[in-house]
Amino acid sequence: MSDENAVLKGHLSESEVAAQLGKCVRTLRNWARRGYGPPRVRIGRSIYYRLVEVSRWIDSLGRLG
């Protein structure tokens, strides 16, 4: 496993999260500006989401209604 793959294990890119949520990347970025959506991390120049945090965020949506 390369160093990059080791660092990114357990992380999803913006486009991967957008696809999973059925949203576009622009929506994720707008949500982040408004403090909504799953927490994200910057690694280098790229934005990633921890898989576990995305799952927690999705689970929390079911408890809001």
N, C-alpha and C. Protein backbone atom coordinates (compact mmCIF):
# COMPACT_ATOMS: atom_id res chain seq x y z
N MET A 1 0.85 -1.17 0.00
CA MET A 1 0.00 0.00 0.00
C MET A 1 0.90 1.23 0.00
N SER A 2 0.63 2.18 -0.88
CA SER A 2 1.44 3.39 -0.92
C SER A 2 1.14 4.26 0.29
N ASP A 3 2.02 5.23 0.56
CA ASP A 3 1.81 6.14 1.68
C ASP A 3 0.50 6.89 1.53
N GLU A 4 0.19 7.32 0.30
CA GLU A 4 -1.06 8.07 0.07
C GLU A 4 -2.27 7.20 0.38
N ASN A 5 -2.26 5.96 -0.07
CA ASN A 5 -3.38 5.05 0.20
C ASN A 5 -3.53 4.79 1.70
N ALA A 6 -2.41 4.70 2.41
CA ALA A 6 -2.47 4.47 3.85
C ALA A 6 -3.11 5.66 4.55
N VAL A 7 -2.78 6.86 4.13
CA VAL A 7 -3.35 8.07 4.72
C VAL A 7 -4.84 8.17 4.43
N LEU A 8 -5.25 7.80 3.22
CA LEU A 8 -6.63 7.98 2.79
C LEU A 8 -7.55 6.82 3.17
N LYS A 9 -7.00 5.77 3.73
CA LYS A 9 -7.84 4.63 4.11
C LYS A 9 -8.91 5.11 5.09
N GLY A 10 -10.16 4.78 4.79
CA GLY A 10 -11.26 5.21 5.64
C GLY A 10 -11.80 6.59 5.31
N HIS A 11 -11.30 7.18 4.21
CA HIS A 11 -11.76 8.50 3.78
C HIS A 11 -12.41 8.40 2.40
N LEU A 12 -13.35 9.31 2.15
CA LEU A 12 -14.00 9.40 0.85
C LEU A 12 -13.75 10.79 0.28
N SER A 13 -13.61 10.86 -1.03
CA SER A 13 -13.45 12.16 -1.69
C SER A 13 -14.79 12.89 -1.72
N GLU A 14 -14.74 14.17 -2.04
CA GLU A 14 -15.98 14.95 -2.19
C GLU A 14 -16.91 14.31 -3.20
N SER A 15 -16.36 13.90 -4.33
CA SER A 15 -17.22 13.33 -5.38
C SER A 15 -17.82 12.00 -4.94
N GLU A 16 -17.09 11.21 -4.16
CA GLU A 16 -17.63 9.94 -3.67
C GLU A 16 -18.78 10.19 -2.69
N VAL A 17 -18.61 11.15 -1.80
CA VAL A 17 -19.67 11.46 -0.84
C VAL A 17 -20.88 12.03 -1.56
N ALA A 18 -20.64 12.93 -2.51
CA ALA A 18 -21.74 13.51 -3.27
C ALA A 18 -22.54 12.42 -3.98
N ALA A 19 -21.86 11.48 -4.58
CA ALA A 19 -22.54 10.38 -5.29
C ALA A 19 -23.35 9.53 -4.31
N GLN A 20 -22.78 9.25 -3.15
CA GLN A 20 -23.49 8.43 -2.16
C GLN A 20 -24.75 9.12 -1.65
N LEU A 21 -24.69 10.46 -1.55
CA LEU A 21 -25.84 11.22 -1.04
C LEU A 21 -26.81 11.65 -2.14
N GLY A 22 -26.42 11.43 -3.39
CA GLY A 22 -27.26 11.86 -4.50
C GLY A 22 -27.27 13.37 -4.66
N LYS A 23 -26.18 14.01 -4.30
CA LYS A 23 -26.03 15.47 -4.40
C LYS A 23 -24.82 15.78 -5.27
N CYS A 24 -24.68 17.03 -5.64
CA CYS A 24 -23.48 17.42 -6.39
C CYS A 24 -22.43 17.98 -5.42
N VAL A 25 -21.19 18.01 -5.87
CA VAL A 25 -20.09 18.51 -5.04
C VAL A 25 -20.38 19.95 -4.61
N ARG A 26 -20.95 20.74 -5.48
CA ARG A 26 -21.26 22.13 -5.14
C ARG A 26 -22.19 22.20 -3.92
N THR A 27 -23.14 21.28 -3.84
CA THR A 27 -24.04 21.24 -2.68
C THR A 27 -23.26 20.95 -1.41
N LEU A 28 -22.34 19.99 -1.46
CA LEU A 28 -21.52 19.69 -0.28
C LEU A 28 -20.72 20.92 0.16
N ARG A 29 -20.18 21.64 -0.79
CA ARG A 29 -19.40 22.84 -0.47
C ARG A 29 -20.28 23.93 0.12
N ASN A 30 -21.48 24.09 -0.42
CA ASN A 30 -22.43 25.06 0.14
C ASN A 30 -22.83 24.67 1.57
N TRP A 31 -23.09 23.39 1.78
CA TRP A 31 -23.41 22.92 3.12
C TRP A 31 -22.28 23.24 4.09
N ALA A 32 -21.05 22.97 3.68
CA ALA A 32 -19.90 23.21 4.56
C ALA A 32 -19.81 24.68 4.93
N ARG A 33 -20.05 25.57 3.98
CA ARG A 33 -20.02 27.01 4.27
C ARG A 33 -21.07 27.40 5.30
N ARG A 34 -22.17 26.68 5.30
CA ARG A 34 -23.28 26.98 6.22
C ARG A 34 -23.18 26.17 7.52
N GLY A 35 -22.15 25.36 7.64
CA GLY A 35 -21.98 24.56 8.84
C GLY A 35 -22.87 23.33 8.90
N TYR A 36 -23.35 22.89 7.74
CA TYR A 36 -24.23 21.73 7.64
C TYR A 36 -23.47 20.60 6.95
N GLY A 37 -23.93 19.40 7.13
CA GLY A 37 -23.31 18.27 6.45
C GLY A 37 -22.27 17.60 7.32
N PRO A 38 -21.73 16.50 6.82
CA PRO A 38 -20.73 15.77 7.59
C PRO A 38 -19.43 16.56 7.70
N PRO A 39 -18.69 16.37 8.80
CA PRO A 39 -17.40 17.05 8.94
C PRO A 39 -16.44 16.62 7.83
N ARG A 40 -15.61 17.54 7.41
CA ARG A 40 -14.66 17.23 6.34
C ARG A 40 -13.26 17.60 6.79
N VAL A 41 -12.28 17.04 6.11
CA VAL A 41 -10.88 17.32 6.42
C VAL A 41 -10.15 17.66 5.13
N ARG A 42 -9.19 18.54 5.25
CA ARG A 42 -8.36 18.88 4.11
C ARG A 42 -7.06 18.09 4.23
N ILE A 43 -6.73 17.39 3.18
CA ILE A 43 -5.46 16.67 3.10
C ILE A 43 -4.77 17.21 1.86
N GLY A 44 -3.72 17.97 2.08
CA GLY A 44 -3.08 18.66 0.96
C GLY A 44 -4.04 19.70 0.41
N ARG A 45 -4.30 19.64 -0.87
CA ARG A 45 -5.23 20.59 -1.50
C ARG A 45 -6.62 20.00 -1.69
N SER A 46 -6.81 18.79 -1.23
CA SER A 46 -8.08 18.09 -1.46
C SER A 46 -8.91 17.99 -0.19
N ILE A 47 -10.21 17.89 -0.38
CA ILE A 47 -11.15 17.72 0.72
C ILE A 47 -11.60 16.26 0.77
N TYR A 48 -11.59 15.70 1.96
CA TYR A 48 -12.04 14.33 2.17
C TYR A 48 -12.98 14.28 3.35
N TYR A 49 -13.74 13.22 3.40
CA TYR A 49 -14.67 12.97 4.49
C TYR A 49 -14.34 11.61 5.09
N ARG A 50 -14.26 11.54 6.41
CA ARG A 50 -14.05 10.25 7.06
C ARG A 50 -15.33 9.43 6.92
N LEU A 51 -15.20 8.23 6.45
CA LEU A 51 -16.34 7.35 6.22
C LEU A 51 -17.20 7.22 7.48
N VAL A 52 -16.57 7.06 8.61
CA VAL A 52 -17.31 6.89 9.87
C VAL A 52 -18.11 8.15 10.20
N GLU A 53 -17.58 9.34 9.89
CA GLU A 53 -18.29 10.59 10.16
C GLU A 53 -19.47 10.77 9.21
N VAL A 54 -19.31 10.37 7.96
CA VAL A 54 -20.42 10.44 7.00
C VAL A 54 -21.55 9.53 7.48
N SER A 55 -21.20 8.33 7.91
CA SER A 55 -22.21 7.38 8.41
C SER A 55 -22.93 7.93 9.63
N ARG A 56 -22.18 8.53 10.56
CA ARG A 56 -22.79 9.12 11.76
C ARG A 56 -23.74 10.25 11.38
N TRP A 57 -23.30 11.09 10.45
CA TRP A 57 -24.12 12.23 10.03
C TRP A 57 -25.43 11.73 9.41
N ILE A 58 -25.33 10.73 8.54
CA ILE A 58 -26.54 10.18 7.92
C ILE A 58 -27.46 9.59 8.99
N ASP A 59 -26.90 8.87 9.95
CA ASP A 59 -27.71 8.31 11.04
C ASP A 59 -28.40 9.40 11.84
N SER A 60 -27.73 10.53 12.05
CA SER A 60 -28.31 11.62 12.83
C SER A 60 -29.51 12.25 12.12
N LEU A 61 -29.55 12.17 10.81
CA LEU A 61 -30.67 12.74 10.06
C LEU A 61 -31.97 12.02 10.39
N GLY A 62 -31.89 10.74 10.60
CA GLY A 62 -33.07 9.96 10.94
C GLY A 62 -33.64 10.30 12.30
N ARG A 63 -32.79 10.82 13.19
CA ARG A 63 -33.23 11.17 14.54
C ARG A 63 -33.80 12.57 14.62
N LEU A 64 -33.60 13.39 13.60
CA LEU A 64 -34.08 14.77 13.64
C LEU A 64 -35.58 14.87 13.43
N GLY A 65 -36.14 14.00 12.59
CA GLY A 65 -37.55 14.09 12.22
C GLY A 65 -38.41 13.48 13.25
